[in-house]
Amino acid sequence: MSNTSKSNTYRLTGLGTLTAIIIVLQIFTTFVRFGPFSITLALIPIVVGAAMYGKGAGAYLGAVFSVVVVIMCITGGDLGGAMVWAANPFMCVVMCMLKGTAAGFLAGLMYQLVAPKNQLVGVILAALISPIANTGIFIIGMLLFFRETLAAWAGGSDLLTYIILGLTGVNFLVELGVNIVLSPIVVKIIEAVRKTSRA
């Protein structure tokens, strides 16, 4: 087998494995809640894939995550997502697909820009930008297209306070913290996979 074929096989196997992990993680964590919203741990394998295989792979893995989120919105597996779906199905799909895909793409881009100088810093910044993009696009989408739903969730409280303390709050901090803590492990995974693919 040529080096190119071997490299392509490792890439397809790696992306296939990460795809499966993302699907399982996202379905499982839909039911794990810190406050009113579920936590997103699927960003970790997205960052791994984006760092190992590039921003295109990151965008693909982010899109896989997004498709699962949309399915949870449609089926009612995610109650908040079901409310967003009921309010405007088209914009729900657009927002979900955009936030996940951007989270993966930007993680890959950040890693690509920084890792040649310092791999650990590259991974940490990729792990930071991913949940920031995912949550940031979600908040912007909610404010632009789902303000009434957002107001209903806030239950009469100030929207800005609700967004900071309720909508993002604990979930975002947990996602960010998990990504940062696992960054050194991501570096080890990348190094191990690259050694294996060169062997």
C-alpha atoms as a PDB file:
ATOM      1  CA  MET A   1       0.000   0.000   0.000  1.00  0.00           C
ATOM      2  CA  SER A   2       1.393   3.419  -0.962  1.00  0.00           C
ATOM      3  CA  ASN A   3       1.922   6.145   1.640  1.00  0.00           C
ATOM      4  CA  THR A   4      -0.895   8.203   0.099  1.00  0.00           C
ATOM      5  CA  SER A   5      -3.366   5.292   0.249  1.00  0.00           C
ATOM      6  CA  LYS A   6      -2.294   4.517   3.788  1.00  0.00           C
ATOM      7  CA  SER A   7      -2.705   8.157   4.808  1.00  0.00           C
ATOM      8  CA  ASN A   8      -6.173   8.322   3.193  1.00  0.00           C
ATOM      9  CA  THR A   9      -7.193   5.104   4.961  1.00  0.00           C
ATOM     10  CA  TYR A  10      -6.064   6.467   8.335  1.00  0.00           C
ATOM     11  CA  ARG A  11      -7.904   9.733   7.651  1.00  0.00           C
ATOM     12  CA  LEU A  12     -11.161   7.987   6.676  1.00  0.00           C
ATOM     13  CA  THR A  13     -10.915   5.647   9.659  1.00  0.00           C
ATOM     14  CA  GLY A  14     -10.180   8.549  12.000  1.00  0.00           C
ATOM     15  CA  LEU A  15     -13.041  10.672  10.673  1.00  0.00           C
ATOM     16  CA  GLY A  16     -15.407   7.696  10.803  1.00  0.00           C
ATOM     17  CA  THR A  17     -14.496   7.010  14.427  1.00  0.00           C
ATOM     18  CA  LEU A  18     -14.868  10.679  15.395  1.00  0.00           C
ATOM     19  CA  THR A  19     -18.218  10.860  13.576  1.00  0.00           C
ATOM     20  CA  ALA A  20     -19.530   7.930  15.636  1.00  0.00           C
ATOM     21  CA  ILE A  21     -18.184   9.446  18.882  1.00  0.00           C
ATOM     22  CA  ILE A  22     -19.837  12.803  18.138  1.00  0.00           C
ATOM     23  CA  ILE A  23     -23.217  11.186  17.417  1.00  0.00           C
ATOM     24  CA  VAL A  24     -23.155   9.084  20.596  1.00  0.00           C
ATOM     25  CA  LEU A  25     -21.865  11.942  22.789  1.00  0.00           C
ATOM     26  CA  GLN A  26     -24.424  14.432  21.514  1.00  0.00           C
ATOM     27  CA  ILE A  27     -27.359  12.060  21.935  1.00  0.00           C
ATOM     28  CA  PHE A  28     -26.180  11.103  25.434  1.00  0.00           C
ATOM     29  CA  THR A  29     -25.454  14.658  26.604  1.00  0.00           C
ATOM     30  CA  THR A  30     -28.827  15.918  25.372  1.00  0.00           C
ATOM     31  CA  PHE A  31     -30.112  14.398  28.610  1.00  0.00           C
ATOM     32  CA  VAL A  32     -27.290  15.761  30.823  1.00  0.00           C
ATOM     33  CA  ARG A  33     -28.246  19.210  32.058  1.00  0.00           C
ATOM     34  CA  PHE A  34     -26.579  21.913  34.123  1.00  0.00           C
ATOM     35  CA  GLY A  35     -29.523  24.242  34.477  1.00  0.00           C
ATOM     36  CA  PRO A  36     -32.185  24.414  31.764  1.00  0.00           C
ATOM     37  CA  PHE A  37     -29.995  23.447  28.790  1.00  0.00           C
ATOM     38  CA  SER A  38     -27.960  20.391  27.909  1.00  0.00           C
ATOM     39  CA  ILE A  39     -24.185  20.493  27.887  1.00  0.00           C
ATOM     40  CA  THR A  40     -22.219  19.957  24.670  1.00  0.00           C
ATOM     41  CA  LEU A  41     -19.283  17.567  25.037  1.00  0.00           C
ATOM     42  CA  ALA A  42     -19.236  16.718  21.321  1.00  0.00           C
ATOM     43  CA  LEU A  43     -17.003  19.748  20.744  1.00  0.00           C
ATOM     44  CA  ILE A  44     -14.030  17.778  22.095  1.00  0.00           C
ATOM     45  CA  PRO A  45     -13.881  15.208  19.249  1.00  0.00           C
ATOM     46  CA  ILE A  46     -14.620  18.050  16.823  1.00  0.00           C
ATOM     47  CA  VAL A  47     -11.497  19.867  18.055  1.00  0.00           C
ATOM     48  CA  VAL A  48      -9.486  16.621  17.831  1.00  0.00           C
ATOM     49  CA  GLY A  49     -10.600  16.070  14.235  1.00  0.00           C
ATOM     50  CA  ALA A  50     -10.056  19.700  13.264  1.00  0.00           C
ATOM     51  CA  ALA A  51      -6.517  19.610  14.664  1.00  0.00           C
ATOM     52  CA  MET A  52      -5.624  16.238  13.123  1.00  0.00           C
ATOM     53  CA  TYR A  53      -7.248  16.601   9.710  1.00  0.00           C
ATOM     54  CA  GLY A  54      -7.710  20.337   9.129  1.00  0.00           C
ATOM     55  CA  LYS A  55     -10.443  22.943   9.061  1.00  0.00           C
ATOM     56  CA  GLY A  56     -12.452  21.147   6.346  1.00  0.00           C
ATOM     57  CA  ALA A  57     -12.647  18.043   8.523  1.00  0.00           C
ATOM     58  CA  GLY A  58     -13.527  20.274  11.487  1.00  0.00           C
ATOM     59  CA  ALA A  59     -16.390  21.796   9.495  1.00  0.00           C
ATOM     60  CA  TYR A  60     -17.602  18.306   8.503  1.00  0.00           C
ATOM     61  CA  LEU A  61     -17.518  17.049  12.103  1.00  0.00           C
ATOM     62  CA  GLY A  62     -19.243  20.234  13.274  1.00  0.00           C
ATOM     63  CA  ALA A  63     -21.941  19.626  10.651  1.00  0.00           C
ATOM     64  CA  VAL A  64     -22.423  16.048  11.951  1.00  0.00           C
ATOM     65  CA  PHE A  65     -22.898  17.475  15.446  1.00  0.00           C
ATOM     66  CA  SER A  66     -25.343  20.042  14.022  1.00  0.00           C
ATOM     67  CA  VAL A  67     -27.442  17.382  12.275  1.00  0.00           C
ATOM     68  CA  VAL A  68     -27.820  15.496  15.576  1.00  0.00           C
ATOM     69  CA  VAL A  69     -28.836  18.756  17.309  1.00  0.00           C
ATOM     70  CA  VAL A  70     -31.466  19.394  14.603  1.00  0.00           C
ATOM     71  CA  ILE A  71     -32.819  15.847  14.995  1.00  0.00           C
ATOM     72  CA  MET A  72     -33.077  16.372  18.772  1.00  0.00           C
ATOM     73  CA  CYS A  73     -34.970  19.640  18.121  1.00  0.00           C
ATOM     74  CA  ILE A  74     -37.404  17.947  15.717  1.00  0.00           C
ATOM     75  CA  THR A  75     -38.037  14.894  17.904  1.00  0.00           C
ATOM     76  CA  GLY A  76     -38.335  16.861  21.149  1.00  0.00           C
ATOM     77  CA  GLY A  77     -35.265  15.188  22.642  1.00  0.00           C
ATOM     78  CA  ASP A  78     -34.092  18.717  23.437  1.00  0.00           C
ATOM     79  CA  LEU A  79     -37.061  20.621  24.903  1.00  0.00           C
ATOM     80  CA  GLY A  80     -35.589  24.087  24.337  1.00  0.00           C
ATOM     81  CA  GLY A  81     -34.637  23.090  20.806  1.00  0.00           C
ATOM     82  CA  ALA A  82     -38.170  21.808  20.216  1.00  0.00           C
ATOM     83  CA  MET A  83     -39.502  25.277  21.113  1.00  0.00           C
ATOM     84  CA  VAL A  84     -37.076  26.864  18.641  1.00  0.00           C
ATOM     85  CA  TRP A  85     -38.119  24.341  15.961  1.00  0.00           C
ATOM     86  CA  ALA A  86     -41.822  25.075  16.591  1.00  0.00           C
ATOM     87  CA  ALA A  87     -41.222  28.834  16.338  1.00  0.00           C
ATOM     88  CA  ASN A  88     -39.341  28.748  13.006  1.00  0.00           C
ATOM     89  CA  PRO A  89     -38.139  25.394  11.598  1.00  0.00           C
ATOM     90  CA  PHE A  90     -36.102  26.898   8.747  1.00  0.00           C
ATOM     91  CA  MET A  91     -34.132  29.318  10.936  1.00  0.00           C
ATOM     92  CA  CYS A  92     -33.722  26.605  13.565  1.00  0.00           C
ATOM     93  CA  VAL A  93     -31.940  24.415  10.986  1.00  0.00           C
ATOM     94  CA  VAL A  94     -29.868  27.350   9.669  1.00  0.00           C
ATOM     95  CA  MET A  95     -28.781  28.393  13.163  1.00  0.00           C
ATOM     96  CA  CYS A  96     -27.965  24.840  14.293  1.00  0.00           C
ATOM     97  CA  MET A  97     -26.000  24.009  11.143  1.00  0.00           C
ATOM     98  CA  LEU A  98     -24.122  27.312  11.175  1.00  0.00           C
ATOM     99  CA  LYS A  99     -23.060  27.208  14.823  1.00  0.00           C
ATOM    100  CA  GLY A 100     -21.714  23.646  14.759  1.00  0.00           C
ATOM    101  CA  THR A 101     -20.025  23.902  11.377  1.00  0.00           C
ATOM    102  CA  ALA A 102     -18.393  27.212  12.316  1.00  0.00           C
ATOM    103  CA  ALA A 103     -17.222  25.765  15.650  1.00  0.00           C
ATOM    104  CA  GLY A 104     -15.386  22.977  13.812  1.00  0.00           C
ATOM    105  CA  PHE A 105     -14.039  25.136  10.995  1.00  0.00           C
ATOM    106  CA  LEU A 106     -12.738  27.866  13.315  1.00  0.00           C
ATOM    107  CA  ALA A 107     -11.118  25.285  15.619  1.00  0.00           C
ATOM    108  CA  GLY A 108      -9.239  23.872  12.625  1.00  0.00           C
ATOM    109  CA  LEU A 109      -8.271  27.322  11.373  1.00  0.00           C
ATOM    110  CA  MET A 110      -7.000  28.389  14.802  1.00  0.00           C
ATOM    111  CA  TYR A 111      -4.957  25.196  15.171  1.00  0.00           C
ATOM    112  CA  GLN A 112      -3.537  25.586  11.662  1.00  0.00           C
ATOM    113  CA  LEU A 113      -2.422  29.158  12.401  1.00  0.00           C
ATOM    114  CA  VAL A 114      -0.914  28.607  15.869  1.00  0.00           C
ATOM    115  CA  ALA A 115       0.228  24.955  16.114  1.00  0.00           C
ATOM    116  CA  PRO A 116       3.306  25.293  13.865  1.00  0.00           C
ATOM    117  CA  LYS A 117       4.733  27.643  16.524  1.00  0.00           C
ATOM    118  CA  ASN A 118       3.367  25.851  19.595  1.00  0.00           C
ATOM    119  CA  GLN A 119       1.172  22.761  19.347  1.00  0.00           C
ATOM    120  CA  LEU A 120      -0.208  22.918  22.900  1.00  0.00           C
ATOM    121  CA  VAL A 121      -1.175  26.594  22.552  1.00  0.00           C
ATOM    122  CA  GLY A 122      -2.728  25.769  19.166  1.00  0.00           C
ATOM    123  CA  VAL A 123      -4.871  23.046  20.715  1.00  0.00           C
ATOM    124  CA  ILE A 124      -5.866  25.238  23.683  1.00  0.00           C
ATOM    125  CA  LEU A 125      -6.906  28.112  21.391  1.00  0.00           C
ATOM    126  CA  ALA A 126      -8.800  25.697  19.110  1.00  0.00           C
ATOM    127  CA  ALA A 127     -10.531  24.278  22.198  1.00  0.00           C
ATOM    128  CA  LEU A 128     -11.429  27.830  23.288  1.00  0.00           C
ATOM    129  CA  ILE A 129     -12.721  29.112  19.945  1.00  0.00           C
ATOM    130  CA  SER A 130     -14.970  26.093  19.360  1.00  0.00           C
ATOM    131  CA  PRO A 131     -17.416  26.606  22.278  1.00  0.00           C
ATOM    132  CA  ILE A 132     -17.187  30.399  21.894  1.00  0.00           C
ATOM    133  CA  ALA A 133     -18.290  30.134  18.243  1.00  0.00           C
ATOM    134  CA  ASN A 134     -20.972  27.534  19.029  1.00  0.00           C
ATOM    135  CA  THR A 135     -22.486  29.527  21.900  1.00  0.00           C
ATOM    136  CA  GLY A 136     -21.929  32.950  20.323  1.00  0.00           C
ATOM    137  CA  ILE A 137     -23.729  32.075  17.082  1.00  0.00           C
ATOM    138  CA  PHE A 138     -26.536  30.476  19.098  1.00  0.00           C
ATOM    139  CA  ILE A 139     -27.040  33.649  21.152  1.00  0.00           C
ATOM    140  CA  ILE A 140     -26.921  35.912  18.078  1.00  0.00           C
ATOM    141  CA  GLY A 141     -29.397  33.632  16.283  1.00  0.00           C
ATOM    142  CA  MET A 142     -31.742  33.636  19.264  1.00  0.00           C
ATOM    143  CA  LEU A 143     -31.628  37.432  19.537  1.00  0.00           C
ATOM    144  CA  LEU A 144     -32.194  37.966  15.805  1.00  0.00           C
ATOM    145  CA  PHE A 145     -34.774  35.300  14.987  1.00  0.00           C
ATOM    146  CA  PHE A 146     -36.204  33.887  18.207  1.00  0.00           C
ATOM    147  CA  ARG A 147     -36.561  36.882  20.494  1.00  0.00           C
ATOM    148  CA  GLU A 148     -40.083  35.886  21.578  1.00  0.00           C
ATOM    149  CA  THR A 149     -38.914  32.361  22.471  1.00  0.00           C
ATOM    150  CA  LEU A 150     -35.952  33.857  24.315  1.00  0.00           C
ATOM    151  CA  ALA A 151     -38.288  36.180  26.224  1.00  0.00           C
ATOM    152  CA  ALA A 152     -40.491  33.197  27.136  1.00  0.00           C
ATOM    153  CA  TRP A 153     -37.453  31.314  28.456  1.00  0.00           C
ATOM    154  CA  ALA A 154     -36.394  34.396  30.436  1.00  0.00           C
ATOM    155  CA  GLY A 155     -39.838  34.464  32.095  1.00  0.00           C
ATOM    156  CA  GLY A 156     -40.015  38.234  32.328  1.00  0.00           C
ATOM    157  CA  SER A 157     -36.461  38.788  33.571  1.00  0.00           C
ATOM    158  CA  ASP A 158     -34.011  41.092  31.772  1.00  0.00           C
ATOM    159  CA  LEU A 159     -32.865  39.414  28.520  1.00  0.00           C
ATOM    160  CA  LEU A 160     -29.198  40.357  28.885  1.00  0.00           C
ATOM    161  CA  THR A 161     -29.063  39.022  32.446  1.00  0.00           C
ATOM    162  CA  TYR A 162     -30.841  35.855  31.354  1.00  0.00           C
ATOM    163  CA  ILE A 163     -28.449  35.314  28.414  1.00  0.00           C
ATOM    164  CA  ILE A 164     -25.376  35.730  30.634  1.00  0.00           C
ATOM    165  CA  LEU A 165     -26.590  33.802  33.683  1.00  0.00           C
ATOM    166  CA  GLY A 166     -29.206  31.417  32.303  1.00  0.00           C
ATOM    167  CA  LEU A 167     -28.666  30.724  28.636  1.00  0.00           C
ATOM    168  CA  THR A 168     -24.880  30.521  28.605  1.00  0.00           C
ATOM    169  CA  GLY A 169     -23.880  30.556  32.265  1.00  0.00           C
ATOM    170  CA  VAL A 170     -22.900  27.227  33.761  1.00  0.00           C
ATOM    171  CA  ASN A 171     -23.169  25.191  30.546  1.00  0.00           C
ATOM    172  CA  PHE A 172     -20.788  27.409  28.603  1.00  0.00           C
ATOM    173  CA  LEU A 173     -18.293  27.500  31.485  1.00  0.00           C
ATOM    174  CA  VAL A 174     -18.421  23.695  31.854  1.00  0.00           C
ATOM    175  CA  GLU A 175     -17.920  23.218  28.096  1.00  0.00           C
ATOM    176  CA  LEU A 176     -15.036  25.698  28.065  1.00  0.00           C
ATOM    177  CA  GLY A 177     -13.443  24.166  31.167  1.00  0.00           C
ATOM    178  CA  VAL A 178     -13.688  20.604  29.870  1.00  0.00           C
ATOM    179  CA  ASN A 179     -12.159  21.624  26.539  1.00  0.00           C
ATOM    180  CA  ILE A 180      -9.245  23.413  28.229  1.00  0.00           C
ATOM    181  CA  VAL A 181      -8.581  20.616  30.749  1.00  0.00           C
ATOM    182  CA  LEU A 182      -8.600  17.992  27.980  1.00  0.00           C
ATOM    183  CA  SER A 183      -6.311  20.001  25.660  1.00  0.00           C
ATOM    184  CA  PRO A 184      -3.095  18.208  26.756  1.00  0.00           C
ATOM    185  CA  ILE A 185      -4.835  14.855  26.125  1.00  0.00           C
ATOM    186  CA  VAL A 186      -5.847  16.084  22.656  1.00  0.00           C
ATOM    187  CA  VAL A 187      -2.171  16.850  21.946  1.00  0.00           C
ATOM    188  CA  LYS A 188      -1.216  13.283  22.980  1.00  0.00           C
ATOM    189  CA  ILE A 189      -3.947  11.842  20.734  1.00  0.00           C
ATOM    190  CA  ILE A 190      -2.719  13.910  17.773  1.00  0.00           C
ATOM    191  CA  GLU A 191       0.881  12.836  18.338  1.00  0.00           C
ATOM    192  CA  ALA A 192      -0.091   9.148  18.689  1.00  0.00           C
ATOM    193  CA  VAL A 193      -2.227   9.186  15.534  1.00  0.00           C
ATOM    194  CA  ARG A 194       0.484  10.925  13.535  1.00  0.00           C
ATOM    195  CA  LYS A 195       3.119   8.410  14.685  1.00  0.00           C
ATOM    196  CA  THR A 196       0.825   5.521  13.729  1.00  0.00           C
ATOM    197  CA  SER A 197       0.052   6.985  10.309  1.00  0.00           C
ATOM    198  CA  ARG A 198       3.761   7.454   9.580  1.00  0.00           C
ATOM    199  CA  ALA A 199       4.672   3.895  10.638  1.00  0.00           C
END
